[in-house]
Amino acid sequence: LAVEKEKDAANQISVEIGKLEVQVQNAIEAILATGASLDEALTLPEPEDREQSERLAASLKSQLEALGPVNAVAMDEYERLKERADYINEQVADLEAARTSLKKIISAIDRKMRSRFLVVFDRVNQNFSEIFSMLFPGGHAHIELTDPDHLSETGIEIVAQPRGKRITKMMLMSGGEKSLTALALLFAVYRTRTVPFYVFDEVEAALDDANLSKLLDAIEQLKETTQLIVISHQRRTMEQADVLYGVSMQADGVSHVVSQRLDKTTGKVVDI
């Protein structure tokens, strides 16, 4: 009887050992499933409150289950998107640097244009005042900027005072005075920057004899530094020309060109 009891006890112990081995194996598999090694797990201290630790583990397990299945390619997708984002950020940084550089260039160009514009404007204004005084002896004139704070959008306004008249805007002048004043401004621009030749198309049409004489004197001075092509029906203007071209229409409707020039040595007009 005693032997049988010992056998039963031995069997019971074997069963308990088998259960413990299964529990140990399950524990090992659970540890390995977390990605940790057995050595690391064995070095961890026993939890002070096992029940609280089990509740925390159960809560974390529920949270993991709530996240759903793991996307196996998520890391690869993340790396691809991160690389794309880094590339875009580099492009944005380059564009920002380029924009900053362009702003500096534009600002420098604006300053240079403003400086040059004001220099040329002052020269034109001075020339205009001198030429106006020549065309209108005893008179005074100048030009003003309508919006000096915004040179890229500003216009100019002519203020003129012929001798014996009050200072007036150009719109209040007579037709002849307007023509002569406008020509004075043109001559002022031409004097500031000379070009090979100028073309005038009946610019003296609205001038009387007195104002025509003033214009012809100005043209005589201007032609010392450049060439002028003047279209005119005025005899006095034609008389002052060095070379004269006339166009007439014949009876058959065909235009005929006649050209003459003044021989300065003999003072005679010769055909060309």
Protein backbone atom coordinates (compact mmCIF):
# COMPACT_ATOMS: atom_id res chain seq x y z
CA LEU A 1 0.00 0.00 0.00
CA ALA A 2 2.79 2.39 0.85
CA VAL A 3 4.42 1.64 -2.45
CA GLU A 4 1.27 2.50 -4.38
CA LYS A 5 0.95 5.81 -2.53
CA GLU A 6 4.50 6.69 -3.45
CA LYS A 7 3.81 5.80 -7.08
CA ASP A 8 0.71 8.02 -7.10
CA ALA A 9 2.70 10.87 -5.58
CA ALA A 10 5.45 10.41 -8.15
CA ASN A 11 2.90 10.45 -10.97
CA GLN A 12 1.32 13.59 -9.55
CA ILE A 13 4.72 15.25 -9.38
CA SER A 14 5.43 14.26 -13.00
CA VAL A 15 2.13 15.79 -14.07
CA GLU A 16 2.92 19.00 -12.24
CA ILE A 17 6.38 19.06 -13.79
CA GLY A 18 4.84 18.64 -17.24
CA LYS A 19 2.44 21.53 -16.58
CA LEU A 20 5.31 23.70 -15.42
CA GLU A 21 7.35 22.79 -18.50
CA VAL A 22 4.42 23.79 -20.71
CA GLN A 23 4.04 27.06 -18.81
CA VAL A 24 7.78 27.71 -19.14
CA GLN A 25 7.65 27.00 -22.86
CA ASN A 26 4.64 29.30 -23.27
CA ALA A 27 6.43 31.99 -21.30
CA ILE A 28 9.53 31.63 -23.48
CA GLU A 29 7.44 31.92 -26.64
CA ALA A 30 5.64 34.96 -25.23
CA ILE A 31 8.96 36.62 -24.40
CA LEU A 32 10.40 35.89 -27.82
CA ALA A 33 7.22 37.23 -29.46
CA THR A 34 7.90 40.63 -27.92
CA GLY A 35 11.26 40.78 -29.65
CA ALA A 36 13.25 40.53 -26.43
CA SER A 37 15.87 37.89 -25.68
CA LEU A 38 15.70 35.36 -22.84
CA ASP A 39 18.81 36.81 -21.25
CA GLU A 40 17.23 40.27 -21.13
CA ALA A 41 14.02 38.81 -19.69
CA LEU A 42 15.89 36.92 -16.96
CA THR A 43 17.64 40.11 -15.82
CA LEU A 44 14.37 42.00 -15.34
CA PRO A 45 13.27 42.30 -11.71
CA GLU A 46 10.06 40.76 -10.47
CA PRO A 47 7.16 43.25 -10.58
CA GLU A 48 6.23 44.61 -7.17
CA ASP A 49 2.53 44.36 -7.97
CA ARG A 50 1.97 41.40 -10.23
CA GLU A 51 -1.78 41.99 -10.59
CA GLN A 52 -1.26 45.60 -11.64
CA SER A 53 1.39 44.50 -14.13
CA GLU A 54 -0.98 41.91 -15.56
CA ARG A 55 -3.72 44.52 -15.89
CA LEU A 56 -1.30 46.88 -17.66
CA ALA A 57 -0.21 44.08 -19.97
CA ALA A 58 -3.84 43.25 -20.75
CA SER A 59 -4.56 46.93 -21.46
CA LEU A 60 -1.58 47.22 -23.78
CA LYS A 61 -2.62 44.03 -25.54
CA SER A 62 -6.11 45.47 -26.07
CA GLN A 63 -4.63 48.65 -27.51
CA LEU A 64 -2.48 46.63 -29.90
CA GLU A 65 -5.48 44.62 -31.01
CA ALA A 66 -7.44 47.85 -31.54
CA LEU A 67 -4.74 49.07 -33.90
CA GLY A 68 -5.59 46.23 -36.24
CA PRO A 69 -3.25 44.19 -38.38
CA VAL A 70 0.27 45.51 -38.91
CA ASN A 71 1.15 46.83 -42.39
CA ALA A 72 4.29 44.94 -43.27
CA VAL A 73 5.37 47.54 -45.87
CA ALA A 74 4.63 50.55 -43.67
CA MET A 75 8.29 51.19 -42.92
CA ASP A 76 9.23 51.01 -46.58
CA GLU A 77 6.38 53.37 -47.44
CA TYR A 78 7.48 55.70 -44.66
CA GLU A 79 11.05 55.78 -45.95
CA ARG A 80 9.84 56.47 -49.49
CA LEU A 81 7.56 59.29 -48.38
CA LYS A 82 10.25 60.71 -46.09
CA GLU A 83 12.72 60.75 -48.97
CA ARG A 84 10.13 62.52 -51.14
CA ALA A 85 9.41 65.05 -48.38
CA ASP A 86 13.13 65.73 -47.90
CA TYR A 87 13.51 66.32 -51.65
CA ILE A 88 10.56 68.72 -51.73
CA ASN A 89 11.90 70.58 -48.69
CA GLU A 90 15.24 70.99 -50.46
CA GLN A 91 13.46 72.35 -53.53
CA VAL A 92 11.46 74.76 -51.38
CA ALA A 93 14.65 75.94 -49.68
CA ASP A 94 16.29 76.50 -53.09
CA LEU A 95 13.25 78.45 -54.30
CA GLU A 96 13.23 80.59 -51.16
CA ALA A 97 16.92 81.34 -51.63
CA ALA A 98 16.33 82.17 -55.30
CA ARG A 99 13.41 84.44 -54.41
CA THR A 100 15.51 86.25 -51.82
CA SER A 101 18.30 86.67 -54.36
CA LEU A 102 15.88 87.95 -57.01
CA LYS A 103 14.41 90.45 -54.56
CA LYS A 104 17.90 91.80 -53.89
CA ILE A 105 18.63 92.03 -57.63
CA ILE A 106 15.30 93.76 -58.33
CA SER A 107 15.90 96.17 -55.47
CA ALA A 108 19.37 96.98 -56.81
CA ILE A 109 18.00 97.47 -60.34
CA ASP A 110 15.21 99.72 -59.02
CA ARG A 111 17.73 101.87 -57.16
CA LYS A 112 19.93 102.11 -60.24
CA MET A 113 16.98 102.93 -62.52
CA ARG A 114 15.73 105.54 -60.07
CA SER A 115 19.16 107.14 -59.88
CA ARG A 116 19.60 107.18 -63.67
CA PHE A 117 16.07 108.39 -64.27
CA LEU A 118 16.50 111.32 -61.90
CA VAL A 119 19.83 112.24 -63.50
CA VAL A 120 18.32 112.19 -67.01
CA PHE A 121 15.19 113.97 -65.81
CA ASP A 122 17.26 116.78 -64.31
CA ARG A 123 19.22 117.14 -67.57
CA VAL A 124 16.06 117.20 -69.67
CA ASN A 125 14.52 119.72 -67.28
CA GLN A 126 17.56 121.98 -67.53
CA ASN A 127 17.68 121.69 -71.33
CA PHE A 128 13.95 122.33 -71.56
CA SER A 129 14.25 125.48 -69.49
CA GLU A 130 17.10 126.76 -71.69
CA ILE A 131 15.41 125.92 -75.01
CA PHE A 132 12.08 127.36 -73.87
CA SER A 133 13.83 130.60 -72.93
CA MET A 134 15.38 130.65 -76.40
CA LEU A 135 12.03 130.06 -78.15
CA PHE A 136 10.19 132.42 -75.80
CA PRO A 137 12.69 135.16 -74.87
CA GLY A 138 12.02 136.30 -71.33
CA GLY A 139 9.89 133.24 -70.62
CA HIS A 140 10.41 130.45 -68.10
CA ALA A 141 9.40 126.78 -68.06
CA HIS A 142 10.12 123.53 -66.30
CA ILE A 143 8.75 120.01 -66.02
CA GLU A 144 7.46 118.35 -62.86
CA LEU A 145 6.85 114.73 -61.85
CA THR A 146 3.20 114.03 -61.12
CA ASP A 147 4.08 111.23 -58.65
CA PRO A 148 7.71 111.59 -57.55
CA ASP A 149 7.36 108.84 -54.93
CA HIS A 150 6.54 106.22 -57.59
CA LEU A 151 8.89 106.81 -60.52
CA SER A 152 7.77 103.67 -62.37
CA GLU A 153 4.23 105.05 -62.61
CA THR A 154 4.75 108.81 -62.64
CA GLY A 155 3.96 111.14 -65.48
CA ILE A 156 5.33 114.60 -66.20
CA GLU A 157 3.60 117.94 -66.25
CA ILE A 158 4.80 120.98 -68.17
CA VAL A 159 4.65 124.35 -66.43
CA ALA A 160 5.39 127.26 -68.79
CA GLN A 161 5.34 131.04 -68.55
CA PRO A 162 5.84 132.96 -71.80
CA ARG A 163 7.00 136.53 -71.29
CA GLY A 164 4.25 138.82 -70.11
CA LYS A 165 1.93 135.96 -69.08
CA ARG A 166 1.14 134.34 -65.79
CA ILE A 167 2.45 130.86 -65.02
CA THR A 168 0.05 128.47 -66.67
CA LYS A 169 -0.44 124.81 -67.41
CA MET A 170 0.13 123.77 -70.99
CA MET A 171 -3.57 123.08 -71.60
CA LEU A 172 -4.33 126.79 -71.16
CA MET A 173 -1.87 127.93 -73.85
CA SER A 174 -2.68 128.84 -77.44
CA GLY A 175 -2.21 126.34 -80.27
CA GLY A 176 1.04 127.91 -81.44
CA GLU A 177 2.39 128.13 -77.90
CA LYS A 178 1.49 124.48 -77.27
CA SER A 179 3.29 123.38 -80.43
CA LEU A 180 6.39 125.39 -79.67
CA THR A 181 6.45 124.24 -76.03
CA ALA A 182 6.08 120.59 -77.05
CA LEU A 183 8.90 121.02 -79.55
CA ALA A 184 11.03 122.61 -76.83
CA LEU A 185 10.55 119.47 -74.73
CA LEU A 186 11.43 117.24 -77.69
CA PHE A 187 14.56 119.27 -78.38
CA ALA A 188 15.47 119.00 -74.67
CA VAL A 189 15.26 115.21 -74.85
CA TYR A 190 17.23 115.16 -78.11
CA ARG A 191 19.96 117.33 -76.61
CA THR A 192 20.22 114.98 -73.62
CA ARG A 193 20.80 111.94 -75.82
CA THR A 194 21.71 112.56 -79.42
CA VAL A 195 20.69 110.03 -82.09
CA PRO A 196 21.76 109.84 -85.78
CA PHE A 197 18.67 111.59 -87.16
CA TYR A 198 15.22 112.92 -86.30
CA VAL A 199 12.00 113.03 -88.31
CA PHE A 200 9.55 115.95 -87.99
CA ASP A 201 6.20 115.77 -89.77
CA GLU A 202 4.70 119.25 -90.30
CA VAL A 203 5.57 120.29 -86.75
CA GLU A 204 5.29 123.97 -87.71
CA ALA A 205 1.76 123.73 -89.14
CA ALA A 206 0.19 125.63 -86.22
CA LEU A 207 2.89 128.32 -85.96
CA ASP A 208 2.62 131.90 -87.11
CA ASP A 209 5.55 133.65 -88.80
CA ALA A 210 7.07 134.88 -85.54
CA ASN A 211 7.01 131.47 -83.87
CA LEU A 212 8.15 129.79 -87.10
CA SER A 213 11.27 131.94 -87.08
CA LYS A 214 12.01 130.80 -83.52
CA LEU A 215 11.56 127.16 -84.51
CA LEU A 216 13.81 127.48 -87.55
CA ASP A 217 16.52 129.03 -85.37
CA ALA A 218 16.26 126.05 -83.00
CA ILE A 219 16.40 123.58 -85.90
CA GLU A 220 19.48 125.37 -87.23
CA GLN A 221 21.23 124.77 -83.91
CA LEU A 222 20.02 121.17 -83.65
CA LYS A 223 21.31 120.17 -87.08
CA GLU A 224 24.86 121.00 -86.00
CA THR A 225 24.94 117.75 -84.00
CA THR A 226 22.54 115.50 -85.94
CA GLN A 227 20.55 115.11 -89.16
CA LEU A 228 16.93 116.15 -89.51
CA ILE A 229 14.27 114.94 -91.91
CA VAL A 230 11.48 117.52 -91.99
CA ILE A 231 8.19 117.05 -93.82
CA SER A 232 6.77 120.49 -94.50
CA HIS A 233 4.59 122.63 -96.75
CA GLN A 234 6.13 125.86 -95.43
CA ARG A 235 8.28 127.69 -97.97
CA ARG A 236 10.51 129.19 -95.29
CA THR A 237 11.21 125.75 -93.83
CA MET A 238 12.11 124.44 -97.30
CA GLU A 239 14.43 127.37 -97.88
CA GLN A 240 16.45 126.39 -94.83
CA ALA A 241 16.94 122.77 -95.93
CA ASP A 242 20.33 121.60 -97.23
CA VAL A 243 18.69 118.93 -99.38
CA LEU A 244 15.12 119.18 -100.65
CA TYR A 245 12.94 116.33 -101.90
CA GLY A 246 9.62 117.08 -103.55
CA VAL A 247 6.95 114.52 -104.40
CA SER A 248 4.23 115.30 -106.94
CA MET A 249 1.66 113.20 -108.72
CA GLN A 250 1.61 113.27 -112.52
CA ALA A 251 -1.46 113.11 -114.74
CA ASP A 252 -1.09 109.34 -115.06
CA GLY A 253 -1.30 108.97 -111.26
CA VAL A 254 2.39 108.10 -110.85
CA SER A 255 4.33 109.92 -108.13
CA HIS A 256 7.35 111.89 -109.30
CA VAL A 257 10.26 112.74 -107.00
CA VAL A 258 12.34 115.88 -107.49
CA SER A 259 15.43 116.46 -105.37
CA GLN A 260 17.64 119.52 -105.01
CA ARG A 261 20.37 120.62 -102.68
CA LEU A 262 22.05 123.88 -101.79
CA ASP A 263 25.66 124.18 -102.93
CA LYS A 264 27.16 126.00 -99.96
CA THR A 265 30.22 127.08 -101.92
CA THR A 266 28.26 128.82 -104.69
CA GLY A 267 24.98 129.45 -102.88
CA LYS A 268 23.09 127.97 -105.83
CA VAL A 269 20.46 125.24 -105.87
CA VAL A 270 21.46 122.23 -107.95
CA ASP A 271 19.52 119.12 -108.94
CA ILE A 272 20.56 115.82 -107.46
